Amino acid sequence: MDCFHFSKPGASFFPQTMPTSLPLYPNKVLLAWAEAISGHEGLRDWLMGSDYPELGVFCHALHNEETSRAWLRHHGHAHLMALLLGTEGEKEAVDWLRREGHSTLADMALTADNDEEALIRLMRLATLDNGDGLWAQIAVRIREVKNDIEDANNDVHRIDPN
């Protein structure tokens, strides 16, 4: 069985054994997801109890919770795992998203990994589709969380010398 083995220990998923189609999420669910990503616990909990628990679990996985990442893999959400791994600079995950026809998610991952050209593509997509830029908004919120985590990890005042 082919699988991706990413450089981070334990970070792999098996795209051939998982459905890769992206559900059609209602706009209100996407708005709730955006707010949950930004830390709104009530909406995250609402997502967890909704028909779209993967979006709530994604919020936990975004904060590097291994059990949440395992849940996403186990429950067939390869596209969300690839989005997460892409935000962490895993080029193979972004390439896989593109091959599977998820170019918007690929650009979201790149945007969240501080790629300004990808953000421009997402905004252009919104303009072309007469959309609201919701995918770009979500990607920027993911970026903010990932950058905050990175800043905290690099803060010399928070590093434990022991």
Protein backbone atom coordinates (compact mmCIF):
# COMPACT_ATOMS: atom_id res chain seq x y z
CA MET A 1 0.00 0.00 0.00
CA ASP A 2 1.37 3.41 -0.92
CA CYS A 3 1.43 6.02 1.78
CA PHE A 4 3.03 9.32 2.53
CA HIS A 5 5.68 9.28 5.19
CA PHE A 6 6.34 12.81 6.32
CA SER A 7 9.43 13.91 8.16
CA LYS A 8 7.65 14.38 11.48
CA PRO A 9 7.48 11.18 13.57
CA GLY A 10 4.04 9.61 13.42
CA ALA A 11 2.81 12.08 10.78
CA SER A 12 1.57 9.92 7.95
CA PHE A 13 -1.73 9.04 6.39
CA PHE A 14 -2.89 6.60 3.77
CA PRO A 15 -4.72 8.43 1.00
CA GLN A 16 -5.52 5.29 -0.99
CA THR A 17 -7.59 3.88 1.87
CA MET A 18 -9.54 7.02 2.71
CA PRO A 19 -12.23 8.90 0.87
CA THR A 20 -10.75 12.14 -0.39
CA SER A 21 -13.84 14.04 -1.43
CA LEU A 22 -14.42 17.23 0.46
CA PRO A 23 -17.91 17.54 1.93
CA LEU A 24 -19.97 20.53 0.88
CA TYR A 25 -19.99 22.52 4.07
CA PRO A 26 -22.78 25.09 4.52
CA ASN A 27 -21.51 28.66 4.86
CA LYS A 28 -22.73 28.92 8.46
CA VAL A 29 -20.63 25.86 9.30
CA LEU A 30 -17.58 27.39 7.61
CA LEU A 31 -18.12 30.63 9.53
CA ALA A 32 -18.36 28.66 12.77
CA TRP A 33 -15.16 26.81 11.82
CA ALA A 34 -13.34 30.10 11.20
CA GLU A 35 -14.38 31.38 14.63
CA ALA A 36 -13.52 28.06 16.28
CA ILE A 37 -10.05 28.15 14.72
CA SER A 38 -9.60 31.59 16.27
CA GLY A 39 -10.40 30.20 19.70
CA HIS A 40 -14.19 30.43 20.12
CA GLU A 41 -14.66 27.36 22.30
CA GLY A 42 -18.46 27.45 22.15
CA LEU A 43 -18.46 27.17 18.37
CA ARG A 44 -15.74 24.53 18.44
CA ASP A 45 -17.87 22.49 20.83
CA TRP A 46 -20.94 23.09 18.63
CA LEU A 47 -18.99 21.73 15.65
CA MET A 48 -17.94 18.69 17.68
CA GLY A 49 -21.60 17.86 18.30
CA SER A 50 -22.77 18.70 14.78
CA ASP A 51 -22.80 16.71 11.57
CA TYR A 52 -19.27 18.06 10.98
CA PRO A 53 -17.23 16.98 14.04
CA GLU A 54 -14.08 16.79 11.90
CA LEU A 55 -13.97 20.60 11.82
CA GLY A 56 -14.03 20.78 15.61
CA VAL A 57 -11.40 18.06 15.87
CA PHE A 58 -9.31 19.99 13.32
CA CYS A 59 -9.17 22.90 15.78
CA HIS A 60 -7.64 20.61 18.40
CA ALA A 61 -5.29 19.04 15.85
CA LEU A 62 -4.15 22.51 14.81
CA HIS A 63 -2.71 22.82 18.32
CA ASN A 64 -0.64 19.67 17.76
CA GLU A 65 -2.88 17.34 19.75
CA GLU A 66 -1.87 13.90 18.53
CA THR A 67 -5.13 12.22 19.56
CA SER A 68 -7.04 14.67 17.35
CA ARG A 69 -4.70 14.05 14.44
CA ALA A 70 -5.14 10.31 14.92
CA TRP A 71 -8.94 10.78 14.98
CA LEU A 72 -8.83 12.66 11.66
CA ARG A 73 -6.72 9.91 10.08
CA HIS A 74 -8.83 7.10 11.53
CA HIS A 75 -12.12 8.68 10.44
CA GLY A 76 -11.07 9.25 6.84
CA HIS A 77 -10.36 12.97 6.76
CA ALA A 78 -7.18 12.79 4.70
CA HIS A 79 -7.90 16.19 3.15
CA LEU A 80 -7.92 17.86 6.59
CA MET A 81 -4.76 16.03 7.65
CA ALA A 82 -3.06 17.13 4.44
CA LEU A 83 -4.23 20.70 5.10
CA LEU A 84 -2.68 20.54 8.58
CA LEU A 85 0.57 19.03 7.37
CA GLY A 86 0.73 21.56 4.54
CA THR A 87 0.46 24.40 7.04
CA GLU A 88 3.55 22.93 8.68
CA GLY A 89 5.58 23.12 5.48
CA GLU A 90 5.07 19.55 4.26
CA LYS A 91 5.30 19.98 0.48
CA GLU A 92 4.18 16.38 -0.15
CA ALA A 93 0.86 17.10 1.58
CA VAL A 94 0.26 20.17 -0.60
CA ASP A 95 1.17 18.20 -3.73
CA TRP A 96 -1.23 15.43 -2.69
CA LEU A 97 -4.05 17.96 -2.21
CA ARG A 98 -3.48 19.29 -5.73
CA ARG A 99 -3.38 15.77 -7.23
CA GLU A 100 -6.65 14.92 -5.48
CA GLY A 101 -8.33 18.03 -6.93
CA HIS A 102 -8.26 20.13 -3.75
CA SER A 103 -6.34 23.13 -5.09
CA THR A 104 -8.24 25.48 -2.77
CA LEU A 105 -7.14 23.46 0.27
CA ALA A 106 -3.60 23.38 -1.12
CA ASP A 107 -3.60 27.17 -1.36
CA MET A 108 -5.10 27.39 2.13
CA ALA A 109 -2.22 25.29 3.47
CA LEU A 110 0.33 27.45 1.69
CA THR A 111 -1.37 30.65 2.89
CA ALA A 112 -1.32 29.35 6.45
CA ASP A 113 2.39 28.64 5.96
CA ASN A 114 2.88 32.36 5.14
CA ASP A 115 2.81 32.13 1.32
CA GLU A 116 1.41 35.47 0.14
CA GLU A 117 1.01 34.33 -3.49
CA ALA A 118 -1.31 31.55 -2.34
CA LEU A 119 -3.38 34.11 -0.42
CA ILE A 120 -3.66 36.21 -3.57
CA ARG A 121 -4.88 33.12 -5.48
CA LEU A 122 -7.53 32.49 -2.81
CA MET A 123 -8.70 36.10 -2.97
CA ARG A 124 -8.75 35.99 -6.77
CA LEU A 125 -10.84 32.82 -6.60
CA ALA A 126 -13.36 34.63 -4.40
CA THR A 127 -13.53 37.49 -6.87
CA LEU A 128 -13.96 35.20 -9.88
CA ASP A 129 -16.66 33.14 -8.20
CA ASN A 130 -18.43 36.19 -6.75
CA GLY A 131 -17.59 34.62 -3.40
CA ASP A 132 -17.00 36.07 -0.02
CA GLY A 133 -13.39 35.04 0.45
CA LEU A 134 -14.33 32.63 3.22
CA TRP A 135 -11.61 30.13 2.31
CA ALA A 136 -9.03 32.93 2.46
CA GLN A 137 -10.40 34.07 5.82
CA ILE A 138 -10.12 30.55 7.23
CA ALA A 139 -6.57 30.18 5.88
CA VAL A 140 -5.51 33.47 7.48
CA ARG A 141 -6.99 32.38 10.81
CA ILE A 142 -5.07 29.11 10.61
CA ARG A 143 -1.94 31.16 9.82
CA GLU A 144 -2.48 33.32 12.89
CA VAL A 145 -2.79 30.27 15.15
CA LYS A 146 0.24 28.53 13.64
CA ASN A 147 2.34 31.71 13.86
CA ASP A 148 1.29 32.24 17.49
CA ILE A 149 2.31 28.66 18.29
CA GLU A 150 5.64 29.17 16.52
CA ASP A 151 6.27 32.46 18.36
CA ALA A 152 5.49 30.80 21.70
CA ASN A 153 7.84 27.92 20.90
CA ASN A 154 10.63 30.38 20.07
CA ASP A 155 10.05 32.70 23.06
CA VAL A 156 13.20 32.48 25.20
CA HIS A 157 11.14 33.40 28.25
CA ARG A 158 8.99 30.31 27.81
CA ILE A 159 11.75 27.81 27.07
CA ASP A 160 12.36 25.44 29.96
CA PRO A 161 16.14 25.11 30.48
CA ASN A 162 15.69 21.73 32.20
